[in-house]
Amino acid sequence: HIKLAYLYLRHYPFDEAMGRIRAGIKAHN
């Protein structure tokens, strides 16, 4: 989870990273 947060924050602004991690975790679940 931390790794995913780090990688998204390295590539995207906070709000976009949040949207991506939210969608990704929900899809994974």
mmCIF file of all heavy atoms, coordinates in Angstrom:
data_MODEL
# 
_entry.id   MODEL 
# 
loop_
_atom_site.group_PDB 
_atom_site.id 
_atom_site.type_symbol 
_atom_site.label_atom_id 
_atom_site.label_alt_id 
_atom_site.label_comp_id 
_atom_site.label_asym_id 
_atom_site.label_entity_id 
_atom_site.label_seq_id 
_atom_site.pdbx_PDB_ins_code 
_atom_site.Cartn_x 
_atom_site.Cartn_y 
_atom_site.Cartn_z 
_atom_site.occupancy 
_atom_site.B_iso_or_equiv 
_atom_site.pdbx_formal_charge 
_atom_site.auth_seq_id 
_atom_site.auth_comp_id 
_atom_site.auth_asym_id 
_atom_site.auth_atom_id 
_atom_site.pdbx_PDB_model_num 
ATOM 1   N N   . HIS A 1 1  ? 0.841   -1.201 0.000   1.00 0.00 ? 1  HIS A N   1 
ATOM 2   C CA  . HIS A 1 1  ? 0.000   0.000  0.000   1.00 0.00 ? 1  HIS A CA  1 
ATOM 3   C C   . HIS A 1 1  ? 0.882   1.260  0.000   1.00 0.00 ? 1  HIS A C   1 
ATOM 4   O O   . HIS A 1 1  ? 0.628   2.207  -0.740  1.00 0.00 ? 1  HIS A O   1 
ATOM 5   C CB  . HIS A 1 1  ? -0.917  0.024  1.230   1.00 0.00 ? 1  HIS A CB  1 
ATOM 6   C CG  . HIS A 1 1  ? -2.092  -0.881 1.151   1.00 0.00 ? 1  HIS A CG  1 
ATOM 7   N ND1 . HIS A 1 1  ? -2.012  -2.235 1.340   1.00 0.00 ? 1  HIS A ND1 1 
ATOM 8   C CD2 . HIS A 1 1  ? -3.400  -0.615 0.921   1.00 0.00 ? 1  HIS A CD2 1 
ATOM 9   C CE1 . HIS A 1 1  ? -3.209  -2.765 1.234   1.00 0.00 ? 1  HIS A CE1 1 
ATOM 10  N NE2 . HIS A 1 1  ? -4.075  -1.801 0.973   1.00 0.00 ? 1  HIS A NE2 1 
ATOM 11  N N   . ILE A 1 2  ? 1.907   1.247  0.837   1.00 0.00 ? 2  ILE A N   1 
ATOM 12  C CA  . ILE A 1 2  ? 2.827   2.393  0.918   1.00 0.00 ? 2  ILE A CA  1 
ATOM 13  C C   . ILE A 1 2  ? 3.589   2.538  -0.405  1.00 0.00 ? 2  ILE A C   1 
ATOM 14  O O   . ILE A 1 2  ? 3.785   3.645  -0.914  1.00 0.00 ? 2  ILE A O   1 
ATOM 15  C CB  . ILE A 1 2  ? 3.788   2.253  2.117   1.00 0.00 ? 2  ILE A CB  1 
ATOM 16  C CG1 . ILE A 1 2  ? 3.017   2.184  3.440   1.00 0.00 ? 2  ILE A CG1 1 
ATOM 17  C CG2 . ILE A 1 2  ? 4.822   3.377  2.127   1.00 0.00 ? 2  ILE A CG2 1 
ATOM 18  C CD1 . ILE A 1 2  ? 2.149   3.388  3.752   1.00 0.00 ? 2  ILE A CD1 1 
ATOM 19  N N   . LYS A 1 3  ? 4.002   1.417  -0.956  1.00 0.00 ? 3  LYS A N   1 
ATOM 20  C CA  . LYS A 1 3  ? 4.713   1.421  -2.237  1.00 0.00 ? 3  LYS A CA  1 
ATOM 21  C C   . LYS A 1 3  ? 3.841   2.036  -3.329  1.00 0.00 ? 3  LYS A C   1 
ATOM 22  O O   . LYS A 1 3  ? 4.300   2.879  -4.104  1.00 0.00 ? 3  LYS A O   1 
ATOM 23  C CB  . LYS A 1 3  ? 5.091   -0.026 -2.597  1.00 0.00 ? 3  LYS A CB  1 
ATOM 24  C CG  . LYS A 1 3  ? 5.883   -0.185 -3.858  1.00 0.00 ? 3  LYS A CG  1 
ATOM 25  C CD  . LYS A 1 3  ? 6.309   -1.647 -4.018  1.00 0.00 ? 3  LYS A CD  1 
ATOM 26  C CE  . LYS A 1 3  ? 7.245   -1.831 -5.173  1.00 0.00 ? 3  LYS A CE  1 
ATOM 27  N NZ  . LYS A 1 3  ? 7.855   -3.174 -5.176  1.00 0.00 ? 3  LYS A NZ  1 
ATOM 28  N N   . LEU A 1 4  ? 2.573   1.651  -3.368  1.00 0.00 ? 4  LEU A N   1 
ATOM 29  C CA  . LEU A 1 4  ? 1.656   2.194  -4.360  1.00 0.00 ? 4  LEU A CA  1 
ATOM 30  C C   . LEU A 1 4  ? 1.480   3.700  -4.168  1.00 0.00 ? 4  LEU A C   1 
ATOM 31  O O   . LEU A 1 4  ? 1.539   4.467  -5.135  1.00 0.00 ? 4  LEU A O   1 
ATOM 32  C CB  . LEU A 1 4  ? 0.303   1.473  -4.257  1.00 0.00 ? 4  LEU A CB  1 
ATOM 33  C CG  . LEU A 1 4  ? -0.728  1.798  -5.322  1.00 0.00 ? 4  LEU A CG  1 
ATOM 34  C CD1 . LEU A 1 4  ? -0.235  1.400  -6.714  1.00 0.00 ? 4  LEU A CD1 1 
ATOM 35  C CD2 . LEU A 1 4  ? -2.041  1.072  -4.998  1.00 0.00 ? 4  LEU A CD2 1 
ATOM 36  N N   . ALA A 1 5  ? 1.309   4.120  -2.922  1.00 0.00 ? 5  ALA A N   1 
ATOM 37  C CA  . ALA A 1 5  ? 1.178   5.555  -2.629  1.00 0.00 ? 5  ALA A CA  1 
ATOM 38  C C   . ALA A 1 5  ? 2.420   6.306  -3.100  1.00 0.00 ? 5  ALA A C   1 
ATOM 39  O O   . ALA A 1 5  ? 2.321   7.350  -3.752  1.00 0.00 ? 5  ALA A O   1 
ATOM 40  C CB  . ALA A 1 5  ? 0.953   5.764  -1.134  1.00 0.00 ? 5  ALA A CB  1 
ATOM 41  N N   . TYR A 1 6  ? 3.581   5.796  -2.773  1.00 0.00 ? 6  TYR A N   1 
ATOM 42  C CA  . TYR A 1 6  ? 4.840   6.426  -3.168  1.00 0.00 ? 6  TYR A CA  1 
ATOM 43  C C   . TYR A 1 6  ? 4.933   6.554  -4.689  1.00 0.00 ? 6  TYR A C   1 
ATOM 44  O O   . TYR A 1 6  ? 5.247   7.630  -5.221  1.00 0.00 ? 6  TYR A O   1 
ATOM 45  C CB  . TYR A 1 6  ? 6.011   5.602  -2.621  1.00 0.00 ? 6  TYR A CB  1 
ATOM 46  C CG  . TYR A 1 6  ? 7.353   6.027  -3.133  1.00 0.00 ? 6  TYR A CG  1 
ATOM 47  C CD1 . TYR A 1 6  ? 8.032   7.105  -2.570  1.00 0.00 ? 6  TYR A CD1 1 
ATOM 48  C CD2 . TYR A 1 6  ? 7.970   5.356  -4.191  1.00 0.00 ? 6  TYR A CD2 1 
ATOM 49  C CE1 . TYR A 1 6  ? 9.279   7.494  -3.043  1.00 0.00 ? 6  TYR A CE1 1 
ATOM 50  C CE2 . TYR A 1 6  ? 9.204   5.738  -4.663  1.00 0.00 ? 6  TYR A CE2 1 
ATOM 51  C CZ  . TYR A 1 6  ? 9.861   6.804  -4.089  1.00 0.00 ? 6  TYR A CZ  1 
ATOM 52  O OH  . TYR A 1 6  ? 11.090  7.191  -4.564  1.00 0.00 ? 6  TYR A OH  1 
ATOM 53  N N   . LEU A 1 7  ? 4.677   5.465  -5.393  1.00 0.00 ? 7  LEU A N   1 
ATOM 54  C CA  . LEU A 1 7  ? 4.822   5.482  -6.850  1.00 0.00 ? 7  LEU A CA  1 
ATOM 55  C C   . LEU A 1 7  ? 3.825   6.442  -7.502  1.00 0.00 ? 7  LEU A C   1 
ATOM 56  O O   . LEU A 1 7  ? 4.191   7.185  -8.420  1.00 0.00 ? 7  LEU A O   1 
ATOM 57  C CB  . LEU A 1 7  ? 4.672   4.064  -7.411  1.00 0.00 ? 7  LEU A CB  1 
ATOM 58  C CG  . LEU A 1 7  ? 5.810   3.124  -7.038  1.00 0.00 ? 7  LEU A CG  1 
ATOM 59  C CD1 . LEU A 1 7  ? 5.472   1.693  -7.438  1.00 0.00 ? 7  LEU A CD1 1 
ATOM 60  C CD2 . LEU A 1 7  ? 7.131   3.568  -7.662  1.00 0.00 ? 7  LEU A CD2 1 
ATOM 61  N N   . TYR A 1 8  ? 2.598   6.464  -7.028  1.00 0.00 ? 8  TYR A N   1 
ATOM 62  C CA  . TYR A 1 8  ? 1.631   7.402  -7.602  1.00 0.00 ? 8  TYR A CA  1 
ATOM 63  C C   . TYR A 1 8  ? 2.012   8.844  -7.277  1.00 0.00 ? 8  TYR A C   1 
ATOM 64  O O   . TYR A 1 8  ? 1.891   9.727  -8.125  1.00 0.00 ? 8  TYR A O   1 
ATOM 65  C CB  . TYR A 1 8  ? 0.222   7.089  -7.124  1.00 0.00 ? 8  TYR A CB  1 
ATOM 66  C CG  . TYR A 1 8  ? -0.431  5.927  -7.849  1.00 0.00 ? 8  TYR A CG  1 
ATOM 67  C CD1 . TYR A 1 8  ? -1.405  5.167  -7.226  1.00 0.00 ? 8  TYR A CD1 1 
ATOM 68  C CD2 . TYR A 1 8  ? -0.105  5.596  -9.157  1.00 0.00 ? 8  TYR A CD2 1 
ATOM 69  C CE1 . TYR A 1 8  ? -2.025  4.107  -7.887  1.00 0.00 ? 8  TYR A CE1 1 
ATOM 70  C CE2 . TYR A 1 8  ? -0.709  4.545  -9.819  1.00 0.00 ? 8  TYR A CE2 1 
ATOM 71  C CZ  . TYR A 1 8  ? -1.669  3.808  -9.182  1.00 0.00 ? 8  TYR A CZ  1 
ATOM 72  O OH  . TYR A 1 8  ? -2.285  2.771  -9.840  1.00 0.00 ? 8  TYR A OH  1 
ATOM 73  N N   . LEU A 1 9  ? 2.474   9.093  -6.069  1.00 0.00 ? 9  LEU A N   1 
ATOM 74  C CA  . LEU A 1 9  ? 2.876   10.463 -5.708  1.00 0.00 ? 9  LEU A CA  1 
ATOM 75  C C   . LEU A 1 9  ? 4.126   10.917 -6.466  1.00 0.00 ? 9  LEU A C   1 
ATOM 76  O O   . LEU A 1 9  ? 4.315   12.114 -6.673  1.00 0.00 ? 9  LEU A O   1 
ATOM 77  C CB  . LEU A 1 9  ? 3.098   10.573 -4.200  1.00 0.00 ? 9  LEU A CB  1 
ATOM 78  C CG  . LEU A 1 9  ? 1.825   10.562 -3.366  1.00 0.00 ? 9  LEU A CG  1 
ATOM 79  C CD1 . LEU A 1 9  ? 2.157   10.364 -1.895  1.00 0.00 ? 9  LEU A CD1 1 
ATOM 80  C CD2 . LEU A 1 9  ? 1.015   11.841 -3.584  1.00 0.00 ? 9  LEU A CD2 1 
ATOM 81  N N   . ARG A 1 10 ? 4.948   9.997  -6.887  1.00 0.00 ? 10 ARG A N   1 
ATOM 82  C CA  . ARG A 1 10 ? 6.130   10.347 -7.684  1.00 0.00 ? 10 ARG A CA  1 
ATOM 83  C C   . ARG A 1 10 ? 5.742   10.727 -9.109  1.00 0.00 ? 10 ARG A C   1 
ATOM 84  O O   . ARG A 1 10 ? 6.463   11.446 -9.776  1.00 0.00 ? 10 ARG A O   1 
ATOM 85  C CB  . ARG A 1 10 ? 7.123   9.176  -7.726  1.00 0.00 ? 10 ARG A CB  1 
ATOM 86  C CG  . ARG A 1 10 ? 7.767   8.855  -6.407  1.00 0.00 ? 10 ARG A CG  1 
ATOM 87  C CD  . ARG A 1 10 ? 8.887   9.801  -6.038  1.00 0.00 ? 10 ARG A CD  1 
ATOM 88  N NE  . ARG A 1 10 ? 10.009  9.590  -6.931  1.00 0.00 ? 10 ARG A NE  1 
ATOM 89  C CZ  . ARG A 1 10 ? 10.685  10.568 -7.508  1.00 0.00 ? 10 ARG A CZ  1 
ATOM 90  N NH1 . ARG A 1 10 ? 10.392  11.812 -7.268  1.00 0.00 ? 10 ARG A NH1 1 
ATOM 91  N NH2 . ARG A 1 10 ? 11.698  10.301 -8.317  1.00 0.00 ? 10 ARG A NH2 1 
ATOM 92  N N   . HIS A 1 11 ? 4.595   10.241 -9.571  1.00 0.00 ? 11 HIS A N   1 
ATOM 93  C CA  . HIS A 1 11 ? 4.199   10.467 -10.959 1.00 0.00 ? 11 HIS A CA  1 
ATOM 94  C C   . HIS A 1 11 ? 3.047   11.454 -11.141 1.00 0.00 ? 11 HIS A C   1 
ATOM 95  O O   . HIS A 1 11 ? 2.854   11.967 -12.245 1.00 0.00 ? 11 HIS A O   1 
ATOM 96  C CB  . HIS A 1 11 ? 3.804   9.135  -11.612 1.00 0.00 ? 11 HIS A CB  1 
ATOM 97  C CG  . HIS A 1 11 ? 4.955   8.207  -11.790 1.00 0.00 ? 11 HIS A CG  1 
ATOM 98  N ND1 . HIS A 1 11 ? 5.257   7.200  -10.899 1.00 0.00 ? 11 HIS A ND1 1 
ATOM 99  C CD2 . HIS A 1 11 ? 5.910   8.160  -12.738 1.00 0.00 ? 11 HIS A CD2 1 
ATOM 100 C CE1 . HIS A 1 11 ? 6.331   6.567  -11.310 1.00 0.00 ? 11 HIS A CE1 1 
ATOM 101 N NE2 . HIS A 1 11 ? 6.755   7.121  -12.417 1.00 0.00 ? 11 HIS A NE2 1 
ATOM 102 N N   . TYR A 1 12 ? 2.272   11.680 -10.079 1.00 0.00 ? 12 TYR A N   1 
ATOM 103 C CA  . TYR A 1 12 ? 1.054   12.475 -10.225 1.00 0.00 ? 12 TYR A CA  1 
ATOM 104 C C   . TYR A 1 12 ? 0.904   13.470 -9.069  1.00 0.00 ? 12 TYR A C   1 
ATOM 105 O O   . TYR A 1 12 ? 1.388   13.221 -7.967  1.00 0.00 ? 12 TYR A O   1 
ATOM 106 C CB  . TYR A 1 12 ? -0.189  11.568 -10.241 1.00 0.00 ? 12 TYR A CB  1 
ATOM 107 C CG  . TYR A 1 12 ? -0.121  10.485 -11.283 1.00 0.00 ? 12 TYR A CG  1 
ATOM 108 C CD1 . TYR A 1 12 ? 0.169   9.173  -10.919 1.00 0.00 ? 12 TYR A CD1 1 
ATOM 109 C CD2 . TYR A 1 12 ? -0.322  10.763 -12.629 1.00 0.00 ? 12 TYR A CD2 1 
ATOM 110 C CE1 . TYR A 1 12 ? 0.254   8.163  -11.875 1.00 0.00 ? 12 TYR A CE1 1 
ATOM 111 C CE2 . TYR A 1 12 ? -0.251  9.768  -13.595 1.00 0.00 ? 12 TYR A CE2 1 
ATOM 112 C CZ  . TYR A 1 12 ? 0.042   8.466  -13.205 1.00 0.00 ? 12 TYR A CZ  1 
ATOM 113 O OH  . TYR A 1 12 ? 0.122   7.483  -14.164 1.00 0.00 ? 12 TYR A OH  1 
ATOM 114 N N   . PRO A 1 13 ? 0.154   14.556 -9.297  1.00 0.00 ? 13 PRO A N   1 
ATOM 115 C CA  . PRO A 1 13 ? -0.179  15.453 -8.186  1.00 0.00 ? 13 PRO A CA  1 
ATOM 116 C C   . PRO A 1 13 ? -1.034  14.696 -7.158  1.00 0.00 ? 13 PRO A C   1 
ATOM 117 O O   . PRO A 1 13 ? -1.656  13.675 -7.486  1.00 0.00 ? 13 PRO A O   1 
ATOM 118 C CB  . PRO A 1 13 ? -0.982  16.576 -8.851  1.00 0.00 ? 13 PRO A CB  1 
ATOM 119 C CG  . PRO A 1 13 ? -0.821  16.400 -10.311 1.00 0.00 ? 13 PRO A CG  1 
ATOM 120 C CD  . PRO A 1 13 ? -0.375  15.002 -10.577 1.00 0.00 ? 13 PRO A CD  1 
ATOM 121 N N   . PHE A 1 14 ? -1.096  15.223 -5.949  1.00 0.00 ? 14 PHE A N   1 
ATOM 122 C CA  . PHE A 1 14 ? -1.760  14.521 -4.853  1.00 0.00 ? 14 PHE A CA  1 
ATOM 123 C C   . PHE A 1 14 ? -3.176  14.064 -5.214  1.00 0.00 ? 14 PHE A C   1 
ATOM 124 O O   . PHE A 1 14 ? -3.525  12.903 -5.010  1.00 0.00 ? 14 PHE A O   1 
ATOM 125 C CB  . PHE A 1 14 ? -1.811  15.405 -3.585  1.00 0.00 ? 14 PHE A CB  1 
ATOM 126 C CG  . PHE A 1 14 ? -2.444  14.692 -2.423  1.00 0.00 ? 14 PHE A CG  1 
ATOM 127 C CD1 . PHE A 1 14 ? -1.675  13.926 -1.574  1.00 0.00 ? 14 PHE A CD1 1 
ATOM 128 C CD2 . PHE A 1 14 ? -3.812  14.773 -2.210  1.00 0.00 ? 14 PHE A CD2 1 
ATOM 129 C CE1 . PHE A 1 14 ? -2.267  13.238 -0.515  1.00 0.00 ? 14 PHE A CE1 1 
ATOM 130 C CE2 . PHE A 1 14 ? -4.402  14.097 -1.152  1.00 0.00 ? 14 PHE A CE2 1 
ATOM 131 C CZ  . PHE A 1 14 ? -3.620  13.327 -0.309  1.00 0.00 ? 14 PHE A CZ  1 
ATOM 132 N N   . ASP A 1 15 ? -4.004  14.963 -5.739  1.00 0.00 ? 15 ASP A N   1 
ATOM 133 C CA  . ASP A 1 15 ? -5.403  14.601 -6.020  1.00 0.00 ? 15 ASP A CA  1 
ATOM 134 C C   . ASP A 1 15 ? -5.513  13.478 -7.051  1.00 0.00 ? 15 ASP A C   1 
ATOM 135 O O   . ASP A 1 15 ? -6.349  12.586 -6.913  1.00 0.00 ? 15 ASP A O   1 
ATOM 136 C CB  . ASP A 1 15 ? -6.206  15.821 -6.477  1.00 0.00 ? 15 ASP A CB  1 
ATOM 137 C CG  . ASP A 1 15 ? -6.462  16.805 -5.343  1.00 0.00 ? 15 ASP A CG  1 
ATOM 138 O OD1 . ASP A 1 15 ? -6.371  16.404 -4.158  1.00 0.00 ? 15 ASP A OD1 1 
ATOM 139 O OD2 . ASP A 1 15 ? -6.743  17.986 -5.635  1.00 0.00 ? 15 ASP A OD2 1 
ATOM 140 N N   . GLU A 1 16 ? -4.682  13.526 -8.075  1.00 0.00 ? 16 GLU A N   1 
ATOM 141 C CA  . GLU A 1 16 ? -4.711  12.456 -9.078  1.00 0.00 ? 16 GLU A CA  1 
ATOM 142 C C   . GLU A 1 16 ? -4.191  11.151 -8.488  1.00 0.00 ? 16 GLU A C   1 
ATOM 143 O O   . GLU A 1 16 ? -4.740  10.076 -8.760  1.00 0.00 ? 16 GLU A O   1 
ATOM 144 C CB  . GLU A 1 16 ? -3.912  12.844 -10.321 1.00 0.00 ? 16 GLU A CB  1 
ATOM 145 C CG  . GLU A 1 16 ? -4.086  11.834 -11.438 1.00 0.00 ? 16 GLU A CG  1 
ATOM 146 C CD  . GLU A 1 16 ? -3.457  12.268 -12.753 1.00 0.00 ? 16 GLU A CD  1 
ATOM 147 O OE1 . GLU A 1 16 ? -3.089  13.441 -12.905 1.00 0.00 ? 16 GLU A OE1 1 
ATOM 148 O OE2 . GLU A 1 16 ? -3.354  11.400 -13.642 1.00 0.00 ? 16 GLU A OE2 1 
ATOM 149 N N   . ALA A 1 17 ? -3.135  11.238 -7.682  1.00 0.00 ? 17 ALA A N   1 
ATOM 150 C CA  . ALA A 1 17 ? -2.617  10.038 -7.015  1.00 0.00 ? 17 ALA A CA  1 
ATOM 151 C C   . ALA A 1 17 ? -3.701  9.427  -6.134  1.00 0.00 ? 17 ALA A C   1 
ATOM 152 O O   . ALA A 1 17 ? -3.888  8.203  -6.117  1.00 0.00 ? 17 ALA A O   1 
ATOM 153 C CB  . ALA A 1 17 ? -1.384  10.379 -6.184  1.00 0.00 ? 17 ALA A CB  1 
ATOM 154 N N   . MET A 1 18 ? -4.456  10.283 -5.424  1.00 0.00 ? 18 MET A N   1 
ATOM 155 C CA  . MET A 1 18 ? -5.523  9.786  -4.557  1.00 0.00 ? 18 MET A CA  1 
ATOM 156 C C   . MET A 1 18 ? -6.600  9.090  -5.377  1.00 0.00 ? 18 MET A C   1 
ATOM 157 O O   . MET A 1 18 ? -7.070  8.021  -5.013  1.00 0.00 ? 18 MET A O   1 
ATOM 158 C CB  . MET A 1 18 ? -6.117  10.950 -3.741  1.00 0.00 ? 18 MET A CB  1 
ATOM 159 C CG  . MET A 1 18 ? -7.138  10.529 -2.712  1.00 0.00 ? 18 MET A CG  1 
ATOM 160 S SD  . MET A 1 18 ? -6.464  9.427  -1.462  1.00 0.00 ? 18 MET A SD  1 
ATOM 161 C CE  . MET A 1 18 ? -7.746  8.186  -1.424  1.00 0.00 ? 18 MET A CE  1 
ATOM 162 N N   . GLY A 1 19 ? -6.989  9.674  -6.477  1.00 0.00 ? 19 GLY A N   1 
ATOM 163 C CA  . GLY A 1 19 ? -7.997  9.049  -7.338  1.00 0.00 ? 19 GLY A CA  1 
ATOM 164 C C   . GLY A 1 19 ? -7.542  7.706  -7.865  1.00 0.00 ? 19 GLY A C   1 
ATOM 165 O O   . GLY A 1 19 ? -8.320  6.742  -7.909  1.00 0.00 ? 19 GLY A O   1 
ATOM 166 N N   . ARG A 1 20 ? -6.281  7.627  -8.246  1.00 0.00 ? 20 ARG A N   1 
ATOM 167 C CA  . ARG A 1 20 ? -5.748  6.379  -8.786  1.00 0.00 ? 20 ARG A CA  1 
ATOM 168 C C   . ARG A 1 20 ? -5.647  5.292  -7.721  1.00 0.00 ? 20 ARG A C   1 
ATOM 169 O O   . ARG A 1 20 ? -5.971  4.136  -7.971  1.00 0.00 ? 20 ARG A O   1 
ATOM 170 C CB  . ARG A 1 20 ? -4.379  6.619  -9.421  1.00 0.00 ? 20 ARG A CB  1 
ATOM 171 C CG  . ARG A 1 20 ? -4.466  7.330  -10.745 1.00 0.00 ? 20 ARG A CG  1 
ATOM 172 C CD  . ARG A 1 20 ? -3.071  7.631  -11.303 1.00 0.00 ? 20 ARG A CD  1 
ATOM 173 N NE  . ARG A 1 20 ? -3.165  8.238  -12.602 1.00 0.00 ? 20 ARG A NE  1 
ATOM 174 C CZ  . ARG A 1 20 ? -3.180  7.576  -13.753 1.00 0.00 ? 20 ARG A CZ  1 
ATOM 175 N NH1 . ARG A 1 20 ? -3.093  6.262  -13.751 1.00 0.00 ? 20 ARG A NH1 1 
ATOM 176 N NH2 . ARG A 1 20 ? -3.280  8.206  -14.909 1.00 0.00 ? 20 ARG A NH2 1 
ATOM 177 N N   . ILE A 1 21 ? -5.175  5.665  -6.541  1.00 0.00 ? 21 ILE A N   1 
ATOM 178 C CA  . ILE A 1 21 ? -5.028  4.644  -5.496  1.00 0.00 ? 21 ILE A CA  1 
ATOM 179 C C   . ILE A 1 21 ? -6.402  4.167  -5.028  1.00 0.00 ? 21 ILE A C   1 
ATOM 180 O O   . ILE A 1 21 ? -6.610  2.985  -4.793  1.00 0.00 ? 21 ILE A O   1 
ATOM 181 C CB  . ILE A 1 21 ? -4.136  5.139  -4.335  1.00 0.00 ? 21 ILE A CB  1 
ATOM 182 C CG1 . ILE A 1 21 ? -3.594  3.943  -3.544  1.00 0.00 ? 21 ILE A CG1 1 
ATOM 183 C CG2 . ILE A 1 21 ? -4.843  6.109  -3.424  1.00 0.00 ? 21 ILE A CG2 1 
ATOM 184 C CD1 . ILE A 1 21 ? -2.467  4.298  -2.589  1.00 0.00 ? 21 ILE A CD1 1 
ATOM 185 N N   . ARG A 1 22 ? -7.353  5.087  -4.927  1.00 0.00 ? 22 ARG A N   1 
ATOM 186 C CA  . ARG A 1 22 ? -8.730  4.724  -4.541  1.00 0.00 ? 22 ARG A CA  1 
ATOM 187 C C   . ARG A 1 22 ? -9.304  3.723  -5.546  1.00 0.00 ? 22 ARG A C   1 
ATOM 188 O O   . ARG A 1 22 ? -9.802  2.662  -5.171  1.00 0.00 ? 22 ARG A O   1 
ATOM 189 C CB  . ARG A 1 22 ? -9.597  5.969  -4.471  1.00 0.00 ? 22 ARG A CB  1 
ATOM 190 C CG  . ARG A 1 22 ? -11.051 5.698  -4.128  1.00 0.00 ? 22 ARG A CG  1 
ATOM 191 C CD  . ARG A 1 22 ? -11.923 6.954  -4.236  1.00 0.00 ? 22 ARG A CD  1 
ATOM 192 N NE  . ARG A 1 22 ? -11.493 7.995  -3.303  1.00 0.00 ? 22 ARG A NE  1 
ATOM 193 C CZ  . ARG A 1 22 ? -11.080 9.196  -3.669  1.00 0.00 ? 22 ARG A CZ  1 
ATOM 194 N NH1 . ARG A 1 22 ? -11.017 9.534  -4.969  1.00 0.00 ? 22 ARG A NH1 1 
ATOM 195 N NH2 . ARG A 1 22 ? -10.720 10.092 -2.776  1.00 0.00 ? 22 ARG A NH2 1 
ATOM 196 N N   . ALA A 1 23 ? -9.258  4.080  -6.817  1.00 0.00 ? 23 ALA A N   1 
ATOM 197 C CA  . ALA A 1 23 ? -9.815  3.211  -7.862  1.00 0.00 ? 23 ALA A CA  1 
ATOM 198 C C   . ALA A 1 23 ? -9.081  1.877  -7.912  1.00 0.00 ? 23 ALA A C   1 
ATOM 199 O O   . ALA A 1 23 ? -9.709  0.821  -8.068  1.00 0.00 ? 23 ALA A O   1 
ATOM 200 C CB  . ALA A 1 23 ? -9.739  3.918  -9.219  1.00 0.00 ? 23 ALA A CB  1 
ATOM 201 N N   . GLY A 1 24 ? -7.759  1.926  -7.766  1.00 0.00 ? 24 GLY A N   1 
ATOM 202 C CA  . GLY A 1 24 ? -6.969  0.702  -7.832  1.00 0.00 ? 24 GLY A CA  1 
ATOM 203 C C   . GLY A 1 24 ? -7.263  -0.263 -6.694  1.00 0.00 ? 24 GLY A C   1 
ATOM 204 O O   . GLY A 1 24 ? -7.411  -1.474 -6.913  1.00 0.00 ? 24 GLY A O   1 
ATOM 205 N N   . ILE A 1 25 ? -7.353  0.261  -5.487  1.00 0.00 ? 25 ILE A N   1 
ATOM 206 C CA  . ILE A 1 25 ? -7.634  -0.611 -4.335  1.00 0.00 ? 25 ILE A CA  1 
ATOM 207 C C   . ILE A 1 25 ? -9.045  -1.182 -4.438  1.00 0.00 ? 25 ILE A C   1 
ATOM 208 O O   . ILE A 1 25 ? -9.268  -2.371 -4.188  1.00 0.00 ? 25 ILE A O   1 
ATOM 209 C CB  . ILE A 1 25 ? -7.420  0.139  -3.002  1.00 0.00 ? 25 ILE A CB  1 
ATOM 210 C CG1 . ILE A 1 25 ? -5.928  0.439  -2.799  1.00 0.00 ? 25 ILE A CG1 1 
ATOM 211 C CG2 . ILE A 1 25 ? -7.970  -0.679 -1.828  1.00 0.00 ? 25 ILE A CG2 1 
ATOM 212 C CD1 . ILE A 1 25 ? -5.624  1.336  -1.609  1.00 0.00 ? 25 ILE A CD1 1 
ATOM 213 N N   . LYS A 1 26 ? -9.996  -0.362 -4.830  1.00 0.00 ? 26 LYS A N   1 
ATOM 214 C CA  . LYS A 1 26 ? -11.368 -0.862 -4.969  1.00 0.00 ? 26 LYS A CA  1 
ATOM 215 C C   . LYS A 1 26 ? -11.440 -1.960 -6.035  1.00 0.00 ? 26 LYS A C   1 
ATOM 216 O O   . LYS A 1 26 ? -12.099 -2.981 -5.838  1.00 0.00 ? 26 LYS A O   1 
ATOM 217 C CB  . LYS A 1 26 ? -12.321 0.284  -5.318  1.00 0.00 ? 26 LYS A CB  1 
ATOM 218 C CG  . LYS A 1 26 ? -12.622 1.180  -4.136  1.00 0.00 ? 26 LYS A CG  1 
ATOM 219 C CD  . LYS A 1 26 ? -13.587 2.295  -4.527  1.00 0.00 ? 26 LYS A CD  1 
ATOM 220 C CE  . LYS A 1 26 ? -13.994 3.113  -3.324  1.00 0.00 ? 26 LYS A CE  1 
ATOM 221 N NZ  . LYS A 1 26 ? -15.023 4.121  -3.664  1.00 0.00 ? 26 LYS A NZ  1 
ATOM 222 N N   . ALA A 1 27 ? -10.764 -1.755 -7.160  1.00 0.00 ? 27 ALA A N   1 
ATOM 223 C CA  . ALA A 1 27 ? -10.761 -2.763 -8.229  1.00 0.00 ? 27 ALA A CA  1 
ATOM 224 C C   . ALA A 1 27 ? -10.060 -4.034 -7.761  1.00 0.00 ? 27 ALA A C   1 
ATOM 225 O O   . ALA A 1 27 ? -10.517 -5.152 -8.044  1.00 0.00 ? 27 ALA A O   1 
ATOM 226 C CB  . ALA A 1 27 ? -10.081 -2.201 -9.476  1.00 0.00 ? 27 ALA A CB  1 
ATOM 227 N N   . HIS A 1 28 ? -8.956  -3.866 -7.047  1.00 0.00 ? 28 HIS A N   1 
ATOM 228 C CA  . HIS A 1 28 ? -8.216  -5.018 -6.519  1.00 0.00 ? 28 HIS A CA  1 
ATOM 229 C C   . HIS A 1 28 ? -9.100  -5.821 -5.570  1.00 0.00 ? 28 HIS A C   1 
ATOM 230 O O   . HIS A 1 28 ? -9.172  -7.048 -5.656  1.00 0.00 ? 28 HIS A O   1 
ATOM 231 C CB  . HIS A 1 28 ? -6.949  -4.534 -5.803  1.00 0.00 ? 28 HIS A CB  1 
ATOM 232 C CG  . HIS A 1 28 ? -6.088  -5.624 -5.300  1.00 0.00 ? 28 HIS A CG  1 
ATOM 233 N ND1 . HIS A 1 28 ? -6.204  -6.128 -4.031  1.00 0.00 ? 28 HIS A ND1 1 
ATOM 234 C CD2 . HIS A 1 28 ? -5.083  -6.313 -5.889  1.00 0.00 ? 28 HIS A CD2 1 
ATOM 235 C CE1 . HIS A 1 28 ? -5.310  -7.086 -3.853  1.00 0.00 ? 28 HIS A CE1 1 
ATOM 236 N NE2 . HIS A 1 28 ? -4.627  -7.212 -4.965  1.00 0.00 ? 28 HIS A NE2 1 
ATOM 237 N N   . ASN A 1 29 ? -9.772  -5.123 -4.664  1.00 0.00 ? 29 ASN A N   1 
ATOM 238 C CA  . ASN A 1 29 ? -10.654 -5.798 -3.709  1.00 0.00 ? 29 ASN A CA  1 
ATOM 239 C C   . ASN A 1 29 ? -11.783 -6.544 -4.427  1.00 0.00 ? 29 ASN A C   1 
ATOM 240 O O   . ASN A 1 29 ? -12.086 -7.687 -4.095  1.00 0.00 ? 29 ASN A O   1 
ATOM 241 C CB  . ASN A 1 29 ? -11.248 -4.802 -2.717  1.00 0.00 ? 29 ASN A CB  1 
ATOM 242 C CG  . ASN A 1 29 ? -10.244 -4.303 -1.705  1.00 0.00 ? 29 ASN A CG  1 
ATOM 243 O OD1 . ASN A 1 29 ? -9.120  -4.789 -1.617  1.00 0.00 ? 29 ASN A OD1 1 
ATOM 244 N ND2 . ASN A 1 29 ? -10.635 -3.297 -0.944  1.00 0.00 ? 29 ASN A ND2 1 
# 
